[in-house]
Amino acid sequence: LIHSVGPFYPVEGIGSIPRALARVAAKAGVEFQFDTRVRSIVSEQGRVRGVETDQDEFLQADAIVSNYNGIGTYLEMLNDTPSPARQNLNKLPLQSPGACAYLAVRSEISPPYLRFQLPGNGELCRLFVTPTVVAPELEKDGWAPARLISPMRYDVAEGQSVAEQQAYLDRLLAERW
């Protein structure tokens, strides 16, 4: 599907997905703790017991949904990830480094469907995908889905701080396509 017409976005924006999930979960009795930073996921003998917050509070839970990256959840958040699993996770290479921004664009969308850009200075080819070129019905209220993909060399990606990653994304989003 992504290779034929590209990505989709919810009519009410990407935030409508977690809002819908939260409504359903609340109806099922799930309790939420908003504006709380989790320091670690506490488990014993392979079973989750709860989370420890950055305010040194323990919140008991039978299950945890982590919004942290998958590998980081096991290596940095979970207190009893078995040593062999940690070793295997640490061996994994960085997966598909770079940036991918799912966008809603308000402008006249014209062909081509795929636009490539070679920025120079050792940076890899960028790709801007505009699915409404082949599926105009995806445009809603003047907004069209688009995707900006910018791969990055592994050595560059591994050495970037969070601030450098944000600056890179900001620079990409400022480029004219």
N, C-alpha and C. Protein backbone atom coordinates (compact mmCIF):
# COMPACT_ATOMS: atom_id res chain seq x y z
N LEU A 1 0.82 -1.20 0.00
CA LEU A 1 0.00 0.00 0.00
C LEU A 1 0.87 1.26 0.00
N ILE A 2 1.88 1.30 0.86
CA ILE A 2 2.72 2.50 0.91
C ILE A 2 3.43 2.72 -0.41
N HIS A 3 3.81 1.63 -1.08
CA HIS A 3 4.54 1.77 -2.34
C HIS A 3 3.62 2.10 -3.51
N SER A 4 2.31 1.93 -3.35
CA SER A 4 1.42 2.25 -4.45
C SER A 4 0.81 3.65 -4.31
N VAL A 5 0.29 3.99 -3.13
CA VAL A 5 -0.31 5.33 -2.97
C VAL A 5 0.29 6.11 -1.81
N GLY A 6 1.19 5.52 -1.06
CA GLY A 6 1.85 6.26 0.02
C GLY A 6 1.13 6.16 1.34
N PRO A 7 1.58 6.93 2.33
CA PRO A 7 1.01 6.85 3.67
C PRO A 7 -0.30 7.61 3.77
N PHE A 8 -1.06 7.27 4.77
CA PHE A 8 -2.30 7.97 5.05
C PHE A 8 -2.16 8.70 6.38
N TYR A 9 -3.04 9.62 6.65
CA TYR A 9 -3.07 10.28 7.95
C TYR A 9 -4.53 10.42 8.37
N PRO A 10 -4.79 10.37 9.67
CA PRO A 10 -6.18 10.49 10.14
C PRO A 10 -6.73 11.89 9.86
N VAL A 11 -7.99 11.97 9.51
CA VAL A 11 -8.63 13.25 9.19
C VAL A 11 -8.48 14.23 10.35
N GLU A 12 -8.59 13.75 11.59
CA GLU A 12 -8.49 14.63 12.75
C GLU A 12 -7.05 14.79 13.23
N GLY A 13 -6.08 14.36 12.43
CA GLY A 13 -4.67 14.48 12.80
C GLY A 13 -4.17 13.25 13.51
N ILE A 14 -2.85 13.13 13.58
CA ILE A 14 -2.22 11.95 14.16
C ILE A 14 -2.57 11.79 15.64
N GLY A 15 -2.85 12.89 16.32
CA GLY A 15 -3.22 12.84 17.74
C GLY A 15 -4.54 12.14 18.00
N SER A 16 -5.37 11.97 16.95
CA SER A 16 -6.65 11.29 17.15
C SER A 16 -6.46 9.80 17.44
N ILE A 17 -5.34 9.22 17.02
CA ILE A 17 -5.11 7.79 17.28
C ILE A 17 -4.91 7.53 18.77
N PRO A 18 -3.96 8.19 19.45
CA PRO A 18 -3.85 7.93 20.90
C PRO A 18 -5.08 8.36 21.68
N ARG A 19 -5.79 9.40 21.23
CA ARG A 19 -7.02 9.80 21.93
C ARG A 19 -8.07 8.69 21.85
N ALA A 20 -8.21 8.09 20.68
CA ALA A 20 -9.18 6.99 20.52
C ALA A 20 -8.76 5.78 21.36
N LEU A 21 -7.47 5.45 21.36
CA LEU A 21 -6.99 4.34 22.18
C LEU A 21 -7.22 4.61 23.66
N ALA A 22 -6.99 5.84 24.09
CA ALA A 22 -7.18 6.20 25.50
C ALA A 22 -8.65 6.08 25.90
N ARG A 23 -9.56 6.50 25.01
CA ARG A 23 -11.00 6.38 25.32
C ARG A 23 -11.39 4.92 25.51
N VAL A 24 -10.95 4.06 24.60
CA VAL A 24 -11.29 2.64 24.69
C VAL A 24 -10.67 2.02 25.94
N ALA A 25 -9.42 2.36 26.21
CA ALA A 25 -8.73 1.81 27.39
C ALA A 25 -9.41 2.26 28.68
N ALA A 26 -9.79 3.52 28.77
CA ALA A 26 -10.45 4.03 29.97
C ALA A 26 -11.77 3.30 30.21
N LYS A 27 -12.50 3.04 29.13
CA LYS A 27 -13.76 2.29 29.26
C LYS A 27 -13.52 0.88 29.77
N ALA A 28 -12.31 0.33 29.48
CA ALA A 28 -11.96 -1.02 29.92
C ALA A 28 -11.37 -1.02 31.33
N GLY A 29 -11.26 0.17 31.96
CA GLY A 29 -10.77 0.23 33.33
C GLY A 29 -9.30 0.57 33.47
N VAL A 30 -8.63 0.92 32.38
CA VAL A 30 -7.22 1.29 32.44
C VAL A 30 -7.09 2.65 33.12
N GLU A 31 -6.14 2.78 34.02
CA GLU A 31 -5.87 4.05 34.69
C GLU A 31 -4.66 4.70 34.04
N PHE A 32 -4.72 5.99 33.81
CA PHE A 32 -3.63 6.73 33.19
C PHE A 32 -2.97 7.64 34.20
N GLN A 33 -1.69 7.84 34.05
CA GLN A 33 -0.92 8.76 34.88
C GLN A 33 -0.23 9.72 33.92
N PHE A 34 -0.86 10.87 33.67
CA PHE A 34 -0.33 11.82 32.70
C PHE A 34 0.75 12.71 33.33
N ASP A 35 1.55 13.30 32.47
CA ASP A 35 2.61 14.23 32.89
C ASP A 35 3.53 13.61 33.93
N THR A 36 3.82 12.34 33.77
CA THR A 36 4.69 11.62 34.70
C THR A 36 5.81 10.96 33.91
N ARG A 37 7.05 11.25 34.30
CA ARG A 37 8.20 10.62 33.64
C ARG A 37 8.55 9.34 34.36
N VAL A 38 8.73 8.30 33.59
CA VAL A 38 9.09 7.00 34.14
C VAL A 38 10.60 6.84 34.10
N ARG A 39 11.17 6.49 35.23
CA ARG A 39 12.61 6.24 35.33
C ARG A 39 12.93 4.80 34.95
N SER A 40 12.07 3.86 35.42
CA SER A 40 12.33 2.46 35.11
C SER A 40 11.05 1.65 35.21
N ILE A 41 11.06 0.53 34.49
CA ILE A 41 9.98 -0.45 34.58
C ILE A 41 10.46 -1.51 35.56
N VAL A 42 9.69 -1.74 36.60
CA VAL A 42 10.09 -2.69 37.63
C VAL A 42 9.44 -4.05 37.35
N SER A 43 10.27 -5.08 37.35
CA SER A 43 9.74 -6.42 37.15
C SER A 43 10.47 -7.38 38.08
N GLU A 44 9.84 -8.49 38.32
CA GLU A 44 10.42 -9.55 39.15
C GLU A 44 10.13 -10.88 38.48
N GLN A 45 11.15 -11.68 38.32
CA GLN A 45 11.01 -13.00 37.73
C GLN A 45 10.26 -12.96 36.39
N GLY A 46 10.60 -11.96 35.59
CA GLY A 46 10.02 -11.86 34.25
C GLY A 46 8.61 -11.31 34.18
N ARG A 47 8.07 -10.80 35.30
CA ARG A 47 6.71 -10.23 35.30
C ARG A 47 6.76 -8.77 35.73
N VAL A 48 6.06 -7.95 34.99
CA VAL A 48 6.00 -6.53 35.31
C VAL A 48 5.27 -6.33 36.63
N ARG A 49 5.82 -5.45 37.47
CA ARG A 49 5.18 -5.10 38.75
C ARG A 49 4.70 -3.66 38.77
N GLY A 50 5.32 -2.81 37.93
CA GLY A 50 4.94 -1.40 37.90
C GLY A 50 6.07 -0.56 37.36
N VAL A 51 6.00 0.75 37.64
CA VAL A 51 7.04 1.66 37.18
C VAL A 51 7.50 2.54 38.34
N GLU A 52 8.74 2.96 38.25
CA GLU A 52 9.28 3.93 39.19
C GLU A 52 9.40 5.25 38.44
N THR A 53 8.84 6.32 39.02
CA THR A 53 8.85 7.61 38.35
C THR A 53 10.11 8.40 38.71
N ASP A 54 10.30 9.50 37.99
CA ASP A 54 11.45 10.35 38.30
C ASP A 54 11.25 11.12 39.61
N GLN A 55 10.07 10.99 40.23
CA GLN A 55 9.80 11.58 41.54
C GLN A 55 9.92 10.54 42.65
N ASP A 56 10.58 9.40 42.33
CA ASP A 56 10.78 8.29 43.28
C ASP A 56 9.48 7.68 43.77
N GLU A 57 8.45 7.74 42.96
CA GLU A 57 7.17 7.13 43.31
C GLU A 57 7.05 5.80 42.57
N PHE A 58 6.52 4.78 43.23
CA PHE A 58 6.29 3.49 42.59
C PHE A 58 4.81 3.39 42.26
N LEU A 59 4.49 3.13 40.99
CA LEU A 59 3.12 2.96 40.55
C LEU A 59 2.93 1.50 40.12
N GLN A 60 2.12 0.79 40.87
CA GLN A 60 1.90 -0.62 40.59
C GLN A 60 1.09 -0.78 39.31
N ALA A 61 1.44 -1.81 38.53
CA ALA A 61 0.72 -2.09 37.28
C ALA A 61 0.88 -3.55 36.91
N ASP A 62 -0.15 -4.10 36.32
CA ASP A 62 -0.10 -5.47 35.82
C ASP A 62 0.49 -5.54 34.42
N ALA A 63 0.41 -4.42 33.70
CA ALA A 63 0.93 -4.36 32.33
C ALA A 63 1.41 -2.93 32.07
N ILE A 64 2.37 -2.81 31.18
CA ILE A 64 2.94 -1.51 30.82
C ILE A 64 2.92 -1.38 29.30
N VAL A 65 2.54 -0.22 28.80
CA VAL A 65 2.67 0.10 27.39
C VAL A 65 3.77 1.15 27.32
N SER A 66 4.90 0.78 26.74
CA SER A 66 6.04 1.68 26.68
C SER A 66 6.00 2.51 25.41
N ASN A 67 6.18 3.82 25.56
CA ASN A 67 6.26 4.72 24.42
C ASN A 67 7.72 5.01 24.07
N TYR A 68 8.62 4.34 24.76
CA TYR A 68 10.05 4.48 24.50
C TYR A 68 10.40 3.57 23.34
N ASN A 69 11.56 3.74 22.72
CA ASN A 69 11.91 2.86 21.62
C ASN A 69 12.06 1.43 22.11
N GLY A 70 11.82 0.46 21.24
CA GLY A 70 11.79 -0.94 21.63
C GLY A 70 13.05 -1.43 22.30
N ILE A 71 14.20 -1.18 21.68
CA ILE A 71 15.47 -1.65 22.26
C ILE A 71 15.76 -0.91 23.56
N GLY A 72 15.51 0.40 23.58
CA GLY A 72 15.73 1.19 24.80
C GLY A 72 14.87 0.73 25.96
N THR A 73 13.65 0.28 25.66
CA THR A 73 12.78 -0.23 26.73
C THR A 73 13.46 -1.38 27.45
N TYR A 74 14.03 -2.31 26.68
CA TYR A 74 14.67 -3.48 27.30
C TYR A 74 16.04 -3.19 27.88
N LEU A 75 16.80 -2.29 27.24
CA LEU A 75 18.16 -2.02 27.73
C LEU A 75 18.22 -0.95 28.80
N GLU A 76 17.35 0.04 28.74
CA GLU A 76 17.46 1.18 29.63
C GLU A 76 16.35 1.29 30.67
N MET A 77 15.17 0.76 30.36
CA MET A 77 14.04 0.95 31.26
C MET A 77 13.75 -0.27 32.13
N LEU A 78 13.90 -1.45 31.58
CA LEU A 78 13.54 -2.67 32.28
C LEU A 78 14.69 -3.14 33.16
N ASN A 79 14.40 -3.41 34.43
CA ASN A 79 15.47 -3.70 35.38
C ASN A 79 15.97 -5.13 35.35
N ASP A 80 15.25 -6.05 34.74
CA ASP A 80 15.74 -7.43 34.78
C ASP A 80 15.76 -8.12 33.42
N THR A 81 16.12 -7.38 32.39
CA THR A 81 16.30 -8.01 31.09
C THR A 81 17.45 -8.99 31.22
N PRO A 82 17.24 -10.26 30.88
CA PRO A 82 18.31 -11.26 31.04
C PRO A 82 19.58 -10.87 30.27
N SER A 83 20.71 -11.20 30.85
CA SER A 83 22.00 -10.84 30.28
C SER A 83 22.16 -11.29 28.82
N PRO A 84 21.80 -12.54 28.47
CA PRO A 84 21.94 -12.94 27.06
C PRO A 84 21.10 -12.06 26.12
N ALA A 85 19.91 -11.70 26.56
CA ALA A 85 19.06 -10.84 25.74
C ALA A 85 19.69 -9.46 25.60
N ARG A 86 20.25 -8.92 26.69
CA ARG A 86 20.94 -7.63 26.62
C ARG A 86 22.09 -7.68 25.62
N GLN A 87 22.87 -8.74 25.68
CA GLN A 87 24.01 -8.87 24.77
C GLN A 87 23.55 -8.90 23.32
N ASN A 88 22.49 -9.65 23.04
CA ASN A 88 21.96 -9.72 21.68
C ASN A 88 21.41 -8.37 21.22
N LEU A 89 20.71 -7.68 22.10
CA LEU A 89 20.18 -6.36 21.75
C LEU A 89 21.30 -5.37 21.49
N ASN A 90 22.36 -5.43 22.27
CA ASN A 90 23.49 -4.51 22.08
C ASN A 90 24.23 -4.77 20.78
N LYS A 91 24.11 -5.97 20.22
CA LYS A 91 24.78 -6.30 18.97
C LYS A 91 24.02 -5.79 17.74
N LEU A 92 22.75 -5.44 17.93
CA LEU A 92 21.95 -5.02 16.78
C LEU A 92 22.48 -3.71 16.20
N PRO A 93 22.60 -3.64 14.89
CA PRO A 93 23.02 -2.38 14.28
C PRO A 93 21.88 -1.37 14.33
N LEU A 94 22.23 -0.13 14.24
CA LEU A 94 21.23 0.93 14.15
C LEU A 94 20.36 0.64 12.93
N GLN A 95 19.07 0.63 13.09
CA GLN A 95 18.17 0.27 12.00
C GLN A 95 17.75 1.50 11.20
N SER A 96 17.99 1.47 9.93
CA SER A 96 17.53 2.50 9.00
C SER A 96 17.68 3.91 9.55
N PRO A 97 18.90 4.33 9.82
CA PRO A 97 19.07 5.67 10.40
C PRO A 97 18.66 6.76 9.43
N GLY A 98 18.19 7.84 9.98
CA GLY A 98 17.77 8.98 9.20
C GLY A 98 16.50 9.55 9.76
N ALA A 99 15.75 10.22 8.91
CA ALA A 99 14.51 10.84 9.35
C ALA A 99 13.41 10.51 8.36
N CYS A 100 12.21 10.31 8.88
CA CYS A 100 11.02 10.12 8.06
C CYS A 100 9.92 10.95 8.70
N ALA A 101 9.46 11.94 7.99
CA ALA A 101 8.42 12.82 8.52
C ALA A 101 7.12 12.59 7.74
N TYR A 102 6.07 12.24 8.46
CA TYR A 102 4.75 12.11 7.87
C TYR A 102 4.07 13.47 8.00
N LEU A 103 3.67 14.02 6.87
CA LEU A 103 3.23 15.41 6.84
C LEU A 103 1.81 15.55 6.29
N ALA A 104 1.18 16.64 6.63
CA ALA A 104 -0.04 17.09 5.98
C ALA A 104 0.32 18.42 5.33
N VAL A 105 0.17 18.49 4.02
CA VAL A 105 0.65 19.64 3.24
C VAL A 105 -0.55 20.40 2.69
N ARG A 106 -0.51 21.71 2.85
CA ARG A 106 -1.55 22.56 2.28
C ARG A 106 -0.93 23.36 1.14
N SER A 107 -1.01 22.80 -0.05
CA SER A 107 -0.54 23.49 -1.25
C SER A 107 -0.98 22.69 -2.45
N GLU A 108 -0.81 23.25 -3.61
CA GLU A 108 -1.13 22.55 -4.85
C GLU A 108 -0.15 21.41 -5.02
N ILE A 109 -0.64 20.19 -5.09
CA ILE A 109 0.22 19.03 -5.27
C ILE A 109 0.23 18.68 -6.76
N SER A 110 1.42 18.63 -7.32
CA SER A 110 1.55 18.31 -8.74
C SER A 110 2.60 17.22 -8.91
N PRO A 111 2.54 16.51 -10.05
CA PRO A 111 3.54 15.46 -10.29
C PRO A 111 4.94 16.04 -10.24
N PRO A 112 5.92 15.21 -9.95
CA PRO A 112 5.87 13.76 -9.88
C PRO A 112 5.46 13.27 -8.48
N TYR A 113 5.05 12.01 -8.45
CA TYR A 113 4.67 11.34 -7.21
C TYR A 113 5.86 11.20 -6.27
N LEU A 114 7.02 10.86 -6.82
CA LEU A 114 8.27 10.72 -6.05
C LEU A 114 9.24 11.79 -6.51
N ARG A 115 9.73 12.59 -5.57
CA ARG A 115 10.71 13.63 -5.90
C ARG A 115 12.00 13.33 -5.13
N PHE A 116 13.07 13.19 -5.87
CA PHE A 116 14.37 12.88 -5.28
C PHE A 116 15.23 14.14 -5.25
N GLN A 117 16.08 14.23 -4.24
CA GLN A 117 16.99 15.36 -4.13
C GLN A 117 18.34 14.85 -3.65
N LEU A 118 19.40 15.24 -4.34
CA LEU A 118 20.76 14.93 -3.92
C LEU A 118 21.35 16.19 -3.31
N PRO A 119 21.40 16.27 -1.99
CA PRO A 119 21.81 17.52 -1.33
C PRO A 119 23.30 17.83 -1.41
N GLY A 120 24.14 16.84 -1.66
CA GLY A 120 25.58 17.08 -1.70
C GLY A 120 26.19 17.00 -0.31
N ASN A 121 27.43 17.40 -0.17
CA ASN A 121 28.16 17.39 1.10
C ASN A 121 28.15 16.02 1.79
N GLY A 122 28.13 14.95 1.00
CA GLY A 122 28.17 13.61 1.58
C GLY A 122 26.84 13.11 2.11
N GLU A 123 25.77 13.92 2.03
CA GLU A 123 24.46 13.47 2.51
C GLU A 123 23.82 12.59 1.45
N LEU A 124 23.01 11.64 1.91
CA LEU A 124 22.35 10.69 1.01
C LEU A 124 21.12 11.31 0.36
N CYS A 125 20.66 10.66 -0.69
CA CYS A 125 19.51 11.11 -1.45
C CYS A 125 18.26 11.20 -0.58
N ARG A 126 17.52 12.30 -0.71
CA ARG A 126 16.27 12.48 0.01
C ARG A 126 15.10 12.16 -0.94
N LEU A 127 13.96 11.82 -0.35
CA LEU A 127 12.78 11.49 -1.13
C LEU A 127 11.56 12.17 -0.53
N PHE A 128 10.78 12.83 -1.38
CA PHE A 128 9.52 13.45 -0.97
C PHE A 128 8.41 12.72 -1.72
N VAL A 129 7.46 12.14 -0.99
CA VAL A 129 6.40 11.32 -1.57
C VAL A 129 5.09 12.08 -1.44
N THR A 130 4.38 12.23 -2.58
CA THR A 130 3.09 12.93 -2.59
C THR A 130 2.02 12.00 -3.17
N PRO A 131 1.37 11.21 -2.32
CA PRO A 131 0.43 10.20 -2.82
C PRO A 131 -0.80 10.76 -3.52
N THR A 132 -1.17 12.03 -3.28
CA THR A 132 -2.36 12.57 -3.95
C THR A 132 -2.14 12.73 -5.44
N VAL A 133 -0.90 12.65 -5.91
CA VAL A 133 -0.65 12.68 -7.35
C VAL A 133 -1.33 11.49 -8.02
N VAL A 134 -1.31 10.33 -7.36
CA VAL A 134 -1.94 9.14 -7.93
C VAL A 134 -3.27 8.81 -7.27
N ALA A 135 -3.58 9.44 -6.14
CA ALA A 135 -4.84 9.20 -5.44
C ALA A 135 -5.37 10.52 -4.91
N PRO A 136 -5.92 11.38 -5.79
CA PRO A 136 -6.37 12.71 -5.37
C PRO A 136 -7.44 12.70 -4.29
N GLU A 137 -8.16 11.59 -4.16
CA GLU A 137 -9.22 11.51 -3.14
C GLU A 137 -8.66 11.54 -1.72
N LEU A 138 -7.35 11.40 -1.57
CA LEU A 138 -6.73 11.46 -0.25
C LEU A 138 -6.70 12.88 0.31
N GLU A 139 -6.83 13.88 -0.55
CA GLU A 139 -6.85 15.27 -0.08
C GLU A 139 -8.15 15.51 0.68
N LYS A 140 -8.02 16.11 1.86
CA LYS A 140 -9.17 16.41 2.70
C LYS A 140 -9.10 17.86 3.16
N ASP A 141 -10.12 18.61 2.84
CA ASP A 141 -10.22 20.01 3.28
C ASP A 141 -8.97 20.82 2.94
N GLY A 142 -8.40 20.57 1.78
CA GLY A 142 -7.23 21.33 1.35
C GLY A 142 -5.90 20.79 1.86
N TRP A 143 -5.93 19.71 2.64
CA TRP A 143 -4.71 19.11 3.18
C TRP A 143 -4.43 17.80 2.45
N ALA A 144 -3.17 17.58 2.12
CA ALA A 144 -2.77 16.36 1.43
C ALA A 144 -1.66 15.66 2.22
N PRO A 145 -1.70 14.32 2.28
CA PRO A 145 -0.62 13.60 2.97
C PRO A 145 0.66 13.64 2.14
N ALA A 146 1.78 13.65 2.82
CA ALA A 146 3.08 13.60 2.16
C ALA A 146 4.06 12.96 3.14
N ARG A 147 5.18 12.53 2.60
CA ARG A 147 6.20 11.92 3.45
C ARG A 147 7.55 12.37 2.95
N LEU A 148 8.40 12.77 3.87
CA LEU A 148 9.77 13.16 3.57
C LEU A 148 10.70 12.14 4.21
N ILE A 149 11.51 11.50 3.37
CA ILE A 149 12.41 10.45 3.84
C ILE A 149 13.84 10.89 3.56
N SER A 150 14.66 10.85 4.59
CA SER A 150 16.05 11.27 4.45
C SER A 150 16.96 10.30 5.19
N PRO A 151 17.51 9.30 4.48
CA PRO A 151 18.43 8.37 5.14
C PRO A 151 19.72 9.08 5.53
N MET A 152 20.44 8.47 6.45
CA MET A 152 21.69 9.05 6.96
C MET A 152 22.71 7.94 7.12
N ARG A 153 23.96 8.27 6.89
CA ARG A 153 25.03 7.29 7.09
C ARG A 153 25.07 6.87 8.56
N TYR A 154 25.37 5.59 8.81
CA TYR A 154 25.40 5.05 10.17
C TYR A 154 26.36 5.82 11.07
N ASP A 155 27.56 6.12 10.57
CA ASP A 155 28.54 6.79 11.42
C ASP A 155 28.06 8.18 11.84
N VAL A 156 27.33 8.85 10.98
CA VAL A 156 26.78 10.18 11.32
C VAL A 156 25.66 10.04 12.33
N ALA A 157 24.74 9.11 12.07
CA ALA A 157 23.58 8.93 12.94
C ALA A 157 23.98 8.51 14.35
N GLU A 158 24.93 7.61 14.46
CA GLU A 158 25.34 7.12 15.78
C GLU A 158 26.00 8.20 16.63
N GLY A 159 26.59 9.20 15.99
CA GLY A 159 27.29 10.23 16.74
C GLY A 159 26.45 11.44 17.08
N GLN A 160 25.18 11.47 16.67
CA GLN A 160 24.37 12.67 16.90
C GLN A 160 23.67 12.64 18.25
N SER A 161 23.68 13.80 18.90
CA SER A 161 22.93 13.97 20.14
C SER A 161 21.46 14.21 19.79
N VAL A 162 20.59 14.23 20.78
CA VAL A 162 19.17 14.50 20.55
C VAL A 162 19.01 15.90 19.94
N ALA A 163 19.76 16.87 20.43
CA ALA A 163 19.67 18.23 19.90
C ALA A 163 20.11 18.27 18.44
N GLU A 164 21.14 17.52 18.10
CA GLU A 164 21.61 17.47 16.71
C GLU A 164 20.58 16.78 15.81
N GLN A 165 19.92 15.76 16.33
CA GLN A 165 18.88 15.08 15.56
C GLN A 165 17.72 16.05 15.29
N GLN A 166 17.33 16.82 16.30
CA GLN A 166 16.25 17.78 16.13
C GLN A 166 16.65 18.86 15.12
N ALA A 167 17.88 19.34 15.19
CA ALA A 167 18.35 20.35 14.24
C ALA A 167 18.34 19.80 12.82
N TYR A 168 18.71 18.53 12.66
CA TYR A 168 18.69 17.89 11.35
C TYR A 168 17.26 17.84 10.80
N LEU A 169 16.31 17.41 11.62
CA LEU A 169 14.92 17.35 11.19
C LEU A 169 14.40 18.75 10.86
N ASP A 170 14.71 19.74 11.68
CA ASP A 170 14.28 21.11 11.41
C ASP A 170 14.82 21.60 10.07
N ARG A 171 16.09 21.27 9.79
CA ARG A 171 16.71 21.67 8.51
C ARG A 171 16.00 21.00 7.34
N LEU A 172 15.68 19.70 7.50
CA LEU A 172 14.97 18.98 6.43
C LEU A 172 13.61 19.61 6.16
N LEU A 173 12.88 19.92 7.22
CA LEU A 173 11.54 20.46 7.06
C LEU A 173 11.55 21.86 6.47
N ALA A 174 12.66 22.55 6.59
CA ALA A 174 12.77 23.91 6.03
C ALA A 174 13.13 23.91 4.54
N GLU A 175 13.56 22.77 4.03
CA GLU A 175 13.94 22.70 2.62
C GLU A 175 12.71 22.88 1.73
N ARG A 176 12.91 23.49 0.58
CA ARG A 176 11.82 23.70 -0.38
C ARG A 176 11.80 22.53 -1.36
N TRP A 177 10.63 22.00 -1.55
CA TRP A 177 10.45 20.90 -2.49
C TRP A 177 9.59 21.35 -3.64
